[in-house]
Amino acid sequence: MIGQKLIYSYKHGLLEGKTSFGLLNSILFTRIWEELFFRGILLFSLLKFTKPVWAITLSGSVFALFHPIYWIVTLSSGVLLSLTAYKTKSLIPSFISHFLWNLYTAKLFLYF
């Protein structure tokens, strides 16, 4: 049923990313807040209280809970993005990876 709902939304212009601003908003601005929350606040707060493996796993799991449609993909990407932020001690590499992935999937969905 979700496939039919997405097709209907796309055909009737109800998708957020159909316009240029909507695409920019869904790819860039939303991801800034996601990275700030999941990696910036949640991950680095958990690192103060738990071992890195638990902090990375919990941060990735919470990220997956906020993206329930493709939870296996988002769980693995959440863990990988958290691992990237942990290893580099910076949000920039995880933000760029998240941005590029969303750009790829949005273009793939909207134009093919």
C-alpha atoms as a PDB file:
ATOM      1  CA  MET A   1       0.000   0.000   0.000  1.00  0.00           C
ATOM      2  CA  ILE A   2       2.837   2.398   0.661  1.00  0.00           C
ATOM      3  CA  GLY A   3       3.989   2.083  -2.954  1.00  0.00           C
ATOM      4  CA  GLN A   4       0.582   3.204  -4.195  1.00  0.00           C
ATOM      5  CA  LYS A   5       0.561   6.110  -1.763  1.00  0.00           C
ATOM      6  CA  LEU A   6       3.992   7.277  -2.964  1.00  0.00           C
ATOM      7  CA  ILE A   7       2.961   6.988  -6.604  1.00  0.00           C
ATOM      8  CA  TYR A   8      -0.237   8.958  -5.938  1.00  0.00           C
ATOM      9  CA  SER A   9       1.679  11.645  -4.040  1.00  0.00           C
ATOM     10  CA  TYR A  10       4.243  11.947  -6.812  1.00  0.00           C
ATOM     11  CA  LYS A  11       1.658  12.180  -9.600  1.00  0.00           C
ATOM     12  CA  HIS A  12      -0.330  14.858  -7.772  1.00  0.00           C
ATOM     13  CA  GLY A  13       2.609  17.010  -6.685  1.00  0.00           C
ATOM     14  CA  LEU A  14       2.264  16.208  -3.008  1.00  0.00           C
ATOM     15  CA  LEU A  15       5.840  15.146  -2.431  1.00  0.00           C
ATOM     16  CA  GLU A  16       8.048  17.568  -0.554  1.00  0.00           C
ATOM     17  CA  GLY A  17      10.942  17.195  -2.988  1.00  0.00           C
ATOM     18  CA  LYS A  18       9.102  17.794  -6.246  1.00  0.00           C
ATOM     19  CA  THR A  19       9.972  21.501  -6.443  1.00  0.00           C
ATOM     20  CA  SER A  20      13.529  22.817  -6.344  1.00  0.00           C
ATOM     21  CA  PHE A  21      13.045  24.326  -2.881  1.00  0.00           C
ATOM     22  CA  GLY A  22      11.353  21.173  -1.625  1.00  0.00           C
ATOM     23  CA  LEU A  23      14.207  19.074  -2.940  1.00  0.00           C
ATOM     24  CA  LEU A  24      16.769  21.365  -1.310  1.00  0.00           C
ATOM     25  CA  ASN A  25      14.793  21.331   1.933  1.00  0.00           C
ATOM     26  CA  SER A  26      14.410  17.558   2.032  1.00  0.00           C
ATOM     27  CA  ILE A  27      18.026  16.870   1.071  1.00  0.00           C
ATOM     28  CA  LEU A  28      19.950  19.619   2.852  1.00  0.00           C
ATOM     29  CA  PHE A  29      18.115  21.427   5.632  1.00  0.00           C
ATOM     30  CA  THR A  30      16.399  18.439   7.217  1.00  0.00           C
ATOM     31  CA  ARG A  31      19.668  16.511   7.219  1.00  0.00           C
ATOM     32  CA  ILE A  32      21.486  19.287   9.027  1.00  0.00           C
ATOM     33  CA  TRP A  33      19.066  18.949  11.943  1.00  0.00           C
ATOM     34  CA  GLU A  34      19.219  15.161  11.827  1.00  0.00           C
ATOM     35  CA  GLU A  35      23.001  15.157  11.995  1.00  0.00           C
ATOM     36  CA  LEU A  36      23.042  17.757  14.757  1.00  0.00           C
ATOM     37  CA  PHE A  37      20.592  15.730  16.820  1.00  0.00           C
ATOM     38  CA  PHE A  38      21.568  12.098  16.171  1.00  0.00           C
ATOM     39  CA  ARG A  39      25.328  12.495  15.900  1.00  0.00           C
ATOM     40  CA  GLY A  40      25.992  15.871  17.523  1.00  0.00           C
ATOM     41  CA  ILE A  41      23.804  15.678  20.612  1.00  0.00           C
ATOM     42  CA  LEU A  42      22.745  12.053  21.056  1.00  0.00           C
ATOM     43  CA  LEU A  43      25.948  10.243  20.075  1.00  0.00           C
ATOM     44  CA  PHE A  44      28.381  12.510  21.880  1.00  0.00           C
ATOM     45  CA  SER A  45      26.134  12.603  24.982  1.00  0.00           C
ATOM     46  CA  LEU A  46      25.972   8.803  25.044  1.00  0.00           C
ATOM     47  CA  LEU A  47      29.750   8.614  24.679  1.00  0.00           C
ATOM     48  CA  LYS A  48      30.086  10.341  28.059  1.00  0.00           C
ATOM     49  CA  PHE A  49      28.136   7.566  29.810  1.00  0.00           C
ATOM     50  CA  THR A  50      28.689   4.373  27.830  1.00  0.00           C
ATOM     51  CA  LYS A  51      31.283   2.532  25.812  1.00  0.00           C
ATOM     52  CA  PRO A  52      31.658   3.688  22.189  1.00  0.00           C
ATOM     53  CA  VAL A  53      30.144   0.503  20.766  1.00  0.00           C
ATOM     54  CA  TRP A  54      26.944   1.032  22.771  1.00  0.00           C
ATOM     55  CA  ALA A  55      26.751   4.746  22.008  1.00  0.00           C
ATOM     56  CA  ILE A  56      27.174   4.110  18.272  1.00  0.00           C
ATOM     57  CA  THR A  57      24.621   1.279  18.292  1.00  0.00           C
ATOM     58  CA  LEU A  58      22.053   3.237  20.304  1.00  0.00           C
ATOM     59  CA  SER A  59      22.446   6.348  18.186  1.00  0.00           C
ATOM     60  CA  GLY A  60      22.038   4.312  14.999  1.00  0.00           C
ATOM     61  CA  SER A  61      19.013   2.495  16.448  1.00  0.00           C
ATOM     62  CA  VAL A  62      17.246   5.722  17.403  1.00  0.00           C
ATOM     63  CA  PHE A  63      18.014   7.055  13.919  1.00  0.00           C
ATOM     64  CA  ALA A  64      16.356   3.939  12.448  1.00  0.00           C
ATOM     65  CA  LEU A  65      13.288   4.404  14.667  1.00  0.00           C
ATOM     66  CA  PHE A  66      12.771   7.845  13.150  1.00  0.00           C
ATOM     67  CA  HIS A  67      12.887   6.316   9.636  1.00  0.00           C
ATOM     68  CA  PRO A  68      10.614   3.269   9.978  1.00  0.00           C
ATOM     69  CA  ILE A  69       9.918   2.552   6.296  1.00  0.00           C
ATOM     70  CA  TYR A  70      13.376   1.221   5.445  1.00  0.00           C
ATOM     71  CA  TRP A  71      14.568   0.410   8.953  1.00  0.00           C
ATOM     72  CA  ILE A  72      17.266  -2.098   7.981  1.00  0.00           C
ATOM     73  CA  VAL A  73      18.908   0.388   5.617  1.00  0.00           C
ATOM     74  CA  THR A  74      18.565   3.248   8.079  1.00  0.00           C
ATOM     75  CA  LEU A  75      19.856   1.145  10.965  1.00  0.00           C
ATOM     76  CA  SER A  76      23.014   0.247   9.062  1.00  0.00           C
ATOM     77  CA  SER A  77      23.451   3.783   7.728  1.00  0.00           C
ATOM     78  CA  GLY A  78      22.806   5.249  11.186  1.00  0.00           C
ATOM     79  CA  VAL A  79      25.484   3.022  12.686  1.00  0.00           C
ATOM     80  CA  LEU A  80      27.912   3.857   9.868  1.00  0.00           C
ATOM     81  CA  LEU A  81      27.251   7.601  10.163  1.00  0.00           C
ATOM     82  CA  SER A  82      27.700   7.400  13.940  1.00  0.00           C
ATOM     83  CA  LEU A  83      30.925   5.457  13.503  1.00  0.00           C
ATOM     84  CA  THR A  84      32.150   8.075  11.037  1.00  0.00           C
ATOM     85  CA  ALA A  85      31.362  10.904  13.455  1.00  0.00           C
ATOM     86  CA  TYR A  86      33.024   9.026  16.319  1.00  0.00           C
ATOM     87  CA  LYS A  87      36.209   8.175  14.407  1.00  0.00           C
ATOM     88  CA  THR A  88      36.656  11.652  12.909  1.00  0.00           C
ATOM     89  CA  LYS A  89      35.405  13.555  15.998  1.00  0.00           C
ATOM     90  CA  SER A  90      33.503  15.775  13.554  1.00  0.00           C
ATOM     91  CA  LEU A  91      29.992  15.961  12.115  1.00  0.00           C
ATOM     92  CA  ILE A  92      31.162  17.186   8.716  1.00  0.00           C
ATOM     93  CA  PRO A  93      32.047  13.780   7.170  1.00  0.00           C
ATOM     94  CA  SER A  94      28.793  12.191   8.374  1.00  0.00           C
ATOM     95  CA  PHE A  95      26.824  15.223   7.170  1.00  0.00           C
ATOM     96  CA  ILE A  96      28.417  15.063   3.711  1.00  0.00           C
ATOM     97  CA  SER A  97      27.772  11.308   3.488  1.00  0.00           C
ATOM     98  CA  HIS A  98      24.160  11.756   4.588  1.00  0.00           C
ATOM     99  CA  PHE A  99      23.677  14.621   2.126  1.00  0.00           C
ATOM    100  CA  LEU A 100      25.115  12.671  -0.813  1.00  0.00           C
ATOM    101  CA  TRP A 101      23.049   9.591  -0.022  1.00  0.00           C
ATOM    102  CA  ASN A 102      19.839  11.612   0.159  1.00  0.00           C
ATOM    103  CA  LEU A 103      20.695  13.496  -3.013  1.00  0.00           C
ATOM    104  CA  TYR A 104      21.269  10.204  -4.815  1.00  0.00           C
ATOM    105  CA  THR A 105      18.047   8.608  -3.584  1.00  0.00           C
ATOM    106  CA  ALA A 106      15.941  11.720  -4.218  1.00  0.00           C
ATOM    107  CA  LYS A 107      17.214  12.080  -7.762  1.00  0.00           C
ATOM    108  CA  LEU A 108      16.777   8.361  -8.325  1.00  0.00           C
ATOM    109  CA  PHE A 109      13.194   8.445  -7.053  1.00  0.00           C
ATOM    110  CA  LEU A 110      12.123  11.660  -8.752  1.00  0.00           C
ATOM    111  CA  TYR A 111      13.670  11.211 -12.156  1.00  0.00           C
ATOM    112  CA  PHE A 112      13.763   7.487 -12.901  1.00  0.00           C
END
